[in-house]
Protein backbone atom coordinates (compact mmCIF):
# COMPACT_ATOMS: atom_id res chain seq x y z
CA MET A 1 174.23 66.13 -54.61
CA SER A 2 174.05 66.33 -50.82
CA GLU A 3 172.34 69.16 -48.96
CA PRO A 4 175.57 70.84 -47.74
CA GLU A 5 176.98 70.71 -51.26
CA VAL A 6 173.82 72.30 -52.61
CA GLU A 7 174.08 75.12 -50.06
CA ASP A 8 177.78 75.68 -50.88
CA PHE A 9 176.99 75.74 -54.60
CA ALA A 10 174.14 78.20 -54.05
CA ALA A 11 176.39 80.49 -52.03
CA MET A 12 179.11 80.36 -54.70
CA PHE A 13 176.58 81.04 -57.44
CA GLU A 14 175.13 84.03 -55.54
CA ALA A 15 178.59 85.43 -54.90
CA SER A 16 179.45 85.00 -58.59
CA VAL A 17 176.30 86.85 -59.65
CA LYS A 18 176.99 89.70 -57.24
CA THR A 19 180.55 90.00 -58.49
CA ARG A 20 179.33 90.35 -62.06
CA ARG A 21 176.79 92.94 -60.93
CA PHE A 22 179.53 95.38 -59.82
CA SER A 23 182.05 97.10 -62.09
CA SER A 24 185.29 98.98 -61.51
CA GLY A 25 184.73 102.60 -60.64
CA GLN A 26 181.26 102.02 -59.21
CA THR A 27 180.46 103.49 -55.79
CA ILE A 28 178.65 101.06 -53.52
CA GLU A 29 177.54 100.96 -49.90
CA GLY A 30 178.03 98.11 -47.46
CA THR A 31 178.30 97.10 -43.81
CA ILE A 32 181.61 96.27 -42.16
CA VAL A 33 181.44 92.70 -40.84
CA ALA A 34 185.06 92.10 -39.83
CA ILE A 35 188.18 94.21 -39.28
CA GLY A 36 191.58 92.55 -39.55
CA PRO A 37 195.16 93.82 -39.18
CA ASP A 38 195.60 94.29 -42.93
CA THR A 39 192.26 93.66 -44.61
CA SER A 40 188.60 93.95 -43.62
CA LEU A 41 185.34 92.50 -44.93
CA VAL A 42 182.32 94.48 -46.07
CA ASN A 43 178.88 92.96 -46.64
CA VAL A 44 177.60 94.37 -49.93
CA GLY A 45 174.24 92.61 -49.86
CA GLY A 46 172.98 89.12 -49.06
CA LYS A 47 175.92 86.80 -48.49
CA GLY A 48 178.20 88.81 -50.80
CA GLU A 49 181.31 90.20 -49.13
CA ALA A 50 183.98 92.54 -50.44
CA VAL A 51 187.54 93.13 -49.26
CA ILE A 52 188.93 96.52 -48.28
CA GLU A 53 192.34 97.45 -46.85
CA THR A 54 192.06 98.21 -43.13
CA ALA A 55 194.27 101.26 -43.70
CA ASP A 56 191.36 102.71 -45.70
CA LEU A 57 189.29 102.70 -42.52
CA LYS A 58 191.81 104.79 -40.55
CA ASP A 59 192.32 108.54 -40.22
CA HIS A 60 195.48 110.56 -40.73
CA GLU A 61 196.66 109.63 -37.25
CA ASN A 62 196.28 105.93 -38.04
CA ASP A 63 193.27 105.50 -35.75
CA LEU A 64 190.24 103.50 -36.88
CA GLU A 65 187.34 105.71 -37.92
CA PHE A 66 184.87 102.82 -38.19
CA ALA A 67 183.79 99.74 -36.26
CA VAL A 68 182.09 96.45 -37.11
CA GLY A 69 178.46 97.21 -37.99
CA ASP A 70 179.16 100.66 -39.47
CA ARG A 71 178.02 101.37 -43.01
CA ILE A 72 180.51 102.87 -45.45
CA GLN A 73 180.66 103.97 -49.06
CA ALA A 74 183.58 102.85 -51.21
CA ILE A 75 184.61 102.49 -54.83
CA VAL A 76 184.98 99.14 -56.57
CA VAL A 77 188.60 98.86 -57.71
CA GLY A 78 188.60 95.21 -58.73
CA THR A 79 186.22 92.33 -59.48
CA THR A 80 188.63 89.52 -60.36
CA GLY A 81 188.43 86.74 -57.78
CA GLY A 82 186.07 88.79 -55.65
CA ILE A 83 185.14 92.39 -55.05
CA THR A 84 187.90 94.75 -53.91
CA LEU A 85 186.94 98.15 -52.47
CA SER A 86 188.83 101.35 -51.71
CA ARG A 87 187.96 104.63 -50.06
CA ARG A 88 191.19 106.46 -50.92
CA GLY A 89 192.90 104.75 -53.83
CA ILE A 90 195.32 101.95 -54.59
CA LYS A 91 198.33 102.76 -52.44
CA GLY A 92 200.42 99.68 -53.08
CA ALA A 93 199.41 98.78 -56.62
CA ALA A 94 201.64 95.91 -57.68
CA SER A 95 200.19 94.79 -61.00
CA LEU A 96 199.02 96.18 -64.32
CA ARG A 97 195.56 94.86 -63.50
CA GLN A 98 195.40 97.05 -60.41
CA LEU A 99 196.73 100.03 -62.35
CA GLU A 100 194.07 99.58 -65.00
CA ASP A 101 191.39 99.27 -62.33
CA ALA A 102 192.66 102.48 -60.73
CA TYR A 103 192.68 104.24 -64.12
CA ARG A 104 189.11 103.24 -64.92
CA ALA A 105 187.89 104.12 -61.43
CA GLY A 106 189.78 107.43 -61.31
CA LEU A 107 191.54 106.39 -58.11
CA SER A 108 194.94 107.41 -56.87
CA VAL A 109 198.08 105.28 -57.06
CA GLU A 110 201.37 105.67 -55.27
CA GLY A 111 204.40 106.65 -57.34
CA LYS A 112 207.97 107.78 -56.80
CA VAL A 113 209.48 110.65 -58.77
CA GLU A 114 212.76 109.18 -60.01
CA GLY A 115 214.12 111.90 -62.24
CA GLU A 116 213.56 114.81 -64.58
CA VAL A 117 213.05 114.22 -68.30
CA LYS A 118 212.11 116.44 -71.21
CA GLY A 119 208.84 118.17 -70.38
CA GLY A 120 208.32 116.57 -66.98
CA TYR A 121 209.29 113.78 -64.61
CA GLU A 122 209.77 110.04 -64.73
CA VAL A 123 207.55 108.40 -62.11
CA ARG A 124 207.80 104.74 -61.09
CA VAL A 125 204.37 103.22 -60.41
CA ALA A 126 204.04 99.50 -59.56
CA GLY A 127 207.28 98.78 -61.38
CA GLN A 128 206.07 100.65 -64.47
CA ARG A 129 207.58 103.79 -65.90
CA GLY A 130 205.14 106.69 -65.93
CA PHE A 131 205.40 110.26 -67.15
CA CYS A 132 204.18 113.33 -65.25
CA PRO A 133 204.29 116.68 -67.13
CA PHE A 134 205.74 119.64 -65.26
CA SER A 135 202.30 121.27 -65.24
CA GLN A 136 200.78 118.22 -63.48
CA ILE A 137 203.21 117.82 -60.57
CA ASP A 138 201.64 120.58 -58.45
CA THR A 139 198.93 123.25 -58.48
CA VAL A 140 201.59 125.97 -58.74
CA ARG A 141 204.77 126.06 -60.82
CA THR A 142 207.77 125.59 -58.53
CA ALA A 143 210.93 127.60 -59.05
CA ASP A 144 213.16 124.59 -58.35
CA SER A 145 211.92 121.62 -60.36
CA ALA A 146 214.42 119.30 -58.68
CA GLN A 147 212.65 119.58 -55.32
CA HIS A 148 210.20 116.84 -56.36
CA ILE A 149 212.84 114.28 -57.31
CA GLY A 150 212.95 111.41 -54.83
CA GLN A 151 209.53 112.22 -53.41
CA THR A 152 206.71 109.66 -53.21
CA TYR A 153 203.31 111.12 -54.02
CA ALA A 154 199.78 109.99 -54.79
CA PHE A 155 199.00 110.32 -58.51
CA ARG A 156 195.99 109.82 -60.75
CA ILE A 157 196.49 107.91 -64.00
CA ILE A 158 195.16 110.14 -66.79
CA GLU A 159 196.39 107.98 -69.69
CA PHE A 160 196.69 104.18 -69.82
CA LYS A 161 197.94 102.91 -73.18
CA ASP A 162 199.72 99.88 -74.64
CA GLY A 163 198.53 97.62 -71.86
CA GLY A 164 199.96 99.88 -69.19
CA LYS A 165 203.39 100.37 -70.74
CA ASN A 166 202.54 103.97 -71.56
CA LEU A 167 201.32 105.76 -68.44
CA VAL A 168 200.71 109.46 -67.94
CA VAL A 169 200.01 110.51 -64.37
CA SER A 170 198.92 113.70 -62.63
CA ARG A 171 199.38 114.81 -59.06
CA ARG A 172 197.72 118.14 -59.71
CA ALA A 173 194.36 116.52 -60.49
CA LEU A 174 194.27 114.96 -57.02
CA LEU A 175 195.39 118.16 -55.29
CA GLU A 176 192.68 120.16 -57.05
CA ASP A 177 190.03 117.62 -56.03
CA GLU A 178 191.24 117.80 -52.43
CA GLN A 179 191.20 121.59 -52.62
CA LYS A 180 187.62 121.60 -53.94
CA ALA A 181 186.49 119.24 -51.20
CA GLY A 182 188.25 121.35 -48.58
CA ALA A 183 186.73 124.52 -50.05
CA MET A 184 183.22 123.10 -49.76
CA GLU A 185 183.76 122.22 -46.13
CA LEU A 186 185.32 125.60 -45.38
CA ARG A 187 182.46 127.51 -47.00
CA LYS A 188 179.99 125.55 -44.89
CA SER A 189 181.87 126.53 -41.73
CA ILE A 190 182.08 130.27 -42.49
CA ALA A 191 179.27 132.10 -40.71
CA VAL A 192 178.25 135.74 -40.81
CA GLY A 193 179.63 137.52 -37.76
CA SER A 194 182.48 135.06 -37.22
CA THR A 195 186.11 136.14 -37.00
CA VAL A 196 188.55 134.43 -39.38
CA THR A 197 192.24 134.70 -40.18
CA GLY A 198 193.56 134.77 -43.73
CA ARG A 199 196.39 135.96 -45.92
CA VAL A 200 196.16 138.87 -48.36
CA ALA A 201 196.27 137.39 -51.88
CA SER A 202 196.00 140.60 -53.92
CA VAL A 203 195.38 144.31 -53.47
CA ARG A 204 193.24 146.34 -55.89
CA GLU A 205 192.04 149.94 -55.97
CA PHE A 206 188.67 148.84 -54.58
CA GLY A 207 190.02 146.65 -51.77
CA ALA A 208 191.88 143.40 -51.16
CA PHE A 209 191.20 139.70 -51.70
CA VAL A 210 191.96 137.57 -48.64
CA ASP A 211 192.76 133.84 -48.94
CA LEU A 212 190.91 132.05 -46.15
CA GLY A 213 192.35 128.62 -47.02
CA ALA A 214 191.56 125.80 -49.48
CA GLY A 215 191.42 128.34 -52.30
CA VAL A 216 188.48 130.22 -50.75
CA GLN A 217 188.81 134.00 -50.99
CA GLY A 218 186.83 136.84 -49.49
CA LEU A 219 186.73 140.52 -50.47
CA LEU A 220 187.81 143.16 -47.99
CA HIS A 221 186.31 146.29 -49.56
CA VAL A 222 188.16 149.58 -49.13
CA SER A 223 185.16 151.01 -47.25
CA GLU A 224 185.51 148.27 -44.60
CA MET A 225 189.24 148.75 -43.98
CA GLY A 226 189.00 151.52 -41.41
CA TRP A 227 186.66 153.99 -39.74
CA SER A 228 188.53 156.80 -41.48
CA ARG A 229 188.13 157.16 -45.23
CA VAL A 230 190.73 154.98 -46.98
CA THR A 231 191.83 156.08 -50.46
CA ASP A 232 194.77 153.71 -50.94
CA PRO A 233 194.17 150.07 -49.84
CA SER A 234 197.87 149.27 -50.25
CA ALA A 235 198.59 151.66 -47.39
CA ILE A 236 196.55 149.41 -45.07
CA VAL A 237 197.44 145.87 -46.23
CA LYS A 238 200.15 144.26 -48.35
CA VAL A 239 200.19 141.02 -50.34
CA GLY A 240 201.24 138.21 -48.00
CA ASP A 241 200.03 139.94 -44.82
CA GLU A 242 198.22 137.69 -42.36
CA ILE A 243 195.15 139.53 -41.08
CA THR A 244 192.15 138.81 -38.90
CA VAL A 245 188.80 139.96 -40.30
CA ARG A 246 185.07 139.78 -39.57
CA VAL A 247 182.69 137.96 -41.96
CA LEU A 248 180.03 140.50 -42.98
CA ARG A 249 178.07 138.67 -45.69
CA VAL A 250 178.03 135.28 -47.40
CA ASP A 251 176.19 135.08 -50.73
CA ASN A 252 175.56 132.44 -53.41
CA ASP A 253 176.20 129.45 -51.12
CA GLY A 254 179.54 130.77 -49.99
CA GLU A 255 180.83 131.79 -53.42
CA ARG A 256 180.92 135.48 -52.44
CA ILE A 257 182.25 136.39 -49.01
CA SER A 258 182.43 139.99 -47.78
CA LEU A 259 184.91 140.82 -45.03
CA GLY A 260 185.49 143.72 -42.67
CA LEU A 261 188.54 144.97 -40.80
CA LYS A 262 187.21 148.07 -39.07
CA GLN A 263 184.59 145.98 -37.23
CA LEU A 264 187.42 144.64 -35.05
CA MET A 265 188.47 148.17 -34.07
CA ALA A 266 186.87 150.52 -31.54
CA ASP A 267 184.04 152.51 -33.12
CA PRO A 268 184.92 156.23 -32.72
CA TRP A 269 181.22 157.10 -32.84
CA VAL A 270 180.74 155.45 -29.45
CA ALA A 271 182.97 158.11 -27.88
CA ALA A 272 181.48 160.84 -30.08
CA ALA A 273 178.02 160.10 -28.73
CA SER A 274 179.01 161.39 -25.31
CA SER A 275 181.71 163.95 -26.15
CA TYR A 276 180.08 165.92 -28.98
CA GLU A 277 177.31 168.48 -28.47
CA VAL A 278 175.67 171.26 -30.45
CA GLY A 279 177.54 174.55 -30.16
CA GLN A 280 181.02 173.04 -29.79
CA VAL A 281 183.75 174.14 -32.15
CA LYS A 282 186.15 171.50 -33.40
CA THR A 283 189.09 171.68 -35.76
CA GLY A 284 188.24 169.67 -38.86
CA ARG A 285 189.76 168.76 -42.22
CA VAL A 286 187.79 168.88 -45.45
CA THR A 287 188.04 165.43 -47.04
CA ARG A 288 185.89 165.84 -50.15
CA ILE A 289 183.60 168.29 -51.91
CA ALA A 290 180.09 167.58 -53.20
CA ASP A 291 177.51 169.80 -54.92
CA PHE A 292 175.54 170.13 -51.69
CA GLY A 293 178.49 170.84 -49.39
CA ALA A 294 181.75 169.57 -47.92
CA PHE A 295 182.56 166.52 -45.81
CA VAL A 296 184.72 167.32 -42.82
CA GLU A 297 186.74 164.85 -40.72
CA LEU A 298 186.56 165.92 -37.08
CA GLU A 299 188.64 162.96 -35.88
CA PRO A 300 189.59 159.60 -37.44
CA GLY A 301 186.34 157.85 -38.26
CA VAL A 302 184.02 160.78 -37.47
CA GLU A 303 182.92 162.96 -40.39
CA GLY A 304 180.53 165.90 -40.47
CA LEU A 305 178.72 167.58 -43.34
CA ALA A 306 178.97 171.31 -43.92
CA HIS A 307 176.06 172.28 -46.20
CA PHE A 308 176.97 174.88 -48.86
CA SER A 309 174.48 177.32 -47.30
CA THR A 310 176.59 177.47 -44.12
CA PHE A 311 179.51 179.09 -45.90
CA ALA A 312 179.83 182.89 -46.29
CA PRO A 313 177.39 184.38 -48.85
CA THR A 314 178.80 184.78 -52.38
CA GLY A 315 177.57 186.14 -55.64
CA ARG A 316 176.91 182.68 -57.11
CA GLN A 317 175.96 179.39 -55.44
CA ASP A 318 179.10 177.51 -56.56
CA ASP A 319 181.58 180.25 -55.63
CA TRP A 320 182.09 178.70 -52.18
CA LYS A 321 183.99 175.84 -53.82
CA LYS A 322 186.79 178.24 -54.75
CA ALA A 323 187.54 178.91 -51.10
CA VAL A 324 186.76 175.49 -49.66
CA THR A 325 188.94 172.70 -51.06
CA ALA A 326 189.87 169.16 -49.99
CA GLY A 327 192.63 169.24 -47.40
CA LEU A 328 191.57 172.57 -45.89
CA THR A 329 191.84 172.62 -42.08
CA ALA A 330 189.62 175.06 -40.17
CA PRO A 331 187.43 175.42 -37.08
CA PHE A 332 183.88 174.08 -37.47
CA GLU A 333 180.90 174.53 -35.20
CA ILE A 334 178.65 171.54 -34.40
CA VAL A 335 175.14 172.60 -35.44
CA ALA A 336 173.28 169.26 -35.55
CA ILE A 337 173.91 165.70 -34.27
CA ASP A 338 172.19 162.41 -35.07
CA VAL A 339 174.20 159.79 -33.20
CA GLU A 340 171.92 156.91 -34.19
CA LYS A 341 172.47 157.56 -37.91
CA LYS A 342 176.09 158.64 -37.32
CA ARG A 343 175.57 162.08 -38.87
CA ILE A 344 176.86 165.45 -37.75
CA GLY A 345 176.09 168.84 -39.29
CA VAL A 346 178.83 171.48 -39.04
CA ALA A 347 179.39 175.07 -40.11
CA MET A 348 182.82 176.55 -40.74
CA VAL A 349 183.76 179.47 -38.51
CA GLN A 350 184.21 182.35 -40.97
CA ASP A 351 187.31 184.50 -41.43
CA GLY A 352 187.73 187.14 -38.78
CA ALA A 353 186.02 185.11 -36.06
CA GLU A 354 188.14 183.84 -33.18
CA VAL A 355 187.59 180.68 -31.16
CA ARG A 356 188.16 180.69 -27.42
CA ASP A 357 187.70 177.57 -25.25
CA GLY A 358 185.57 175.82 -27.85
CA LYS A 359 183.16 178.74 -28.39
CA LYS A 360 183.03 181.26 -31.22
CA VAL A 361 182.79 185.01 -30.69
CA ASP A 362 179.90 187.32 -31.39
CA GLU A 363 180.69 187.93 -35.08
CA VAL A 364 179.92 184.32 -35.99
CA ARG A 365 176.85 184.16 -33.75
CA GLU A 366 175.48 187.29 -35.44
CA TYR A 367 176.01 185.74 -38.86
CA ARG A 368 174.04 182.63 -37.81
CA GLU A 369 171.26 184.82 -36.39
CA ARG A 370 170.96 186.71 -39.67
CA GLN A 371 170.72 183.40 -41.54
CA THR A 372 168.06 182.12 -39.11
CA ALA A 373 166.02 185.32 -39.42
CA ALA A 374 166.04 185.22 -43.25
CA PRO A 375 162.52 185.69 -44.74
CA SER A 376 160.57 182.67 -45.97
CA GLY A 377 161.41 181.73 -49.52
CA GLY A 378 165.02 182.77 -48.91
CA ILE A 379 167.98 180.73 -47.77
CA GLY A 380 166.07 179.52 -44.67
CA SER A 381 167.21 178.43 -41.25
CA LEU A 382 170.81 177.23 -41.05
CA VAL A 383 169.94 174.39 -38.72
CA ASP A 384 166.93 173.36 -40.80
CA GLN A 385 169.04 173.22 -43.96
CA LEU A 386 171.68 171.12 -42.21
CA ARG A 387 169.05 168.73 -40.96
CA GLY A 388 167.58 168.50 -44.44
CA ALA A 389 171.00 167.79 -45.94
CA LEU A 390 171.67 165.06 -43.38
CA LYS A 391 168.47 163.28 -44.41
CA LYS A 392 169.61 162.93 -48.01
C-alpha cells in the first residue's frame, strides 16, 4: 500500500471512529471551518468534520451570526454517512430516519396542520401523518380551533411508534421551552430601580399581578399603588391594563419581583416639607381608628396621627372612639412634624372652637395649656405624648 493510500485510509478510519463516538441527541462543540450557501462544515476534533445547515447559523433576520473560526455548540441529529448537527431542529425533515433522529434528540420538526380530527389535528410531517392533541397545539386553549388549520409550525415529536407510522407531535412543548428560556433572560435583565411596562394579569384584595413578558410576573402590592391609602385595588387597575411600574425588589434569583406604582408619581411629602408647620390648622379626614389614636388624611398621600390623649377628656379612655369614627372630617392642628420619617402629629380642634385664617381661637389654646400644665404622673404634655406616639 502506497503512502498516500495509507494516509487516506488513516483519515477514513479516524473519521469512522469519531462518527461512532457521537450519538443522536448529544450536544457537542466544534469550530466552523467553512460556510457555504446551504451547508457548512464544523470541525469536531482532529480531522473529523460535521455538517450543519447554514440557516442554523443565521438570526431571525437571516443574517449570519457566526464566521469561520467561531466555536459553536450544536446537537447531533444524525450519524449515518457522517455527523449531522443542528442548533434549532430539523426544519426540512424528508425521511423517517431524520424524524427518528429528531425524536431521539428532542429536536423540532416542521409540520403543516391539515385538518381537525377527533381530539386534535392531523399534521403532515415529512410526508407522514401525525396527530397533535388540542391541548398540545398552543399554550392556551383557543376559542376558534379552526384558526390553526393550514398553518405550518415547528413541532416536537413526543411519540414515535410503528417505525414512524404512528406519530404524536406537540407544539406546546416547544413554546413552553421558548417561554422558559425567554423568562430566564428577562429575569436577568430586570434590575432594582428600573422602570418596566407590563400588563395586569389579575387583581386580588392584596394587590395585582403584572405580566412583564415571557410568563414572568411581578406583584404590585396595594400599599405601593398610590400615596393615598388604597382599600380597593380594582379601583386603581383592571385586568388587561398596560401599566408602567418601578422594580422595588428582586428575590430568589428573579422568582419574586416586587413592583411599585406610586414611585412614578410626585411624592406629596416633598411639598409638605415646606408648606406644613406646627400651629397650622388643616381640614382632615379620619381614615382609620387604632387603640392609640386616629389616622387623619390631611391631603392625598399625607397622613397625620391624632393620639387619643389629644381628644376631649372623657370618663373612660375608650369613650373617644364613640365620637371619632372613620370618615369624620374636622379641623386638626399640626402639633408635631418629622419630615424625614414622614410623620405628623395632629390634634382635633374641639367643638365650640372656631378657626380663622388657619389659627384656632383662645378656647382651644387654653385647653392645650391645661393639658401641658398637668401634674407629673397625669396625662402629661400633649406634644410629648404625640412625639412618643410617632416613635411607635
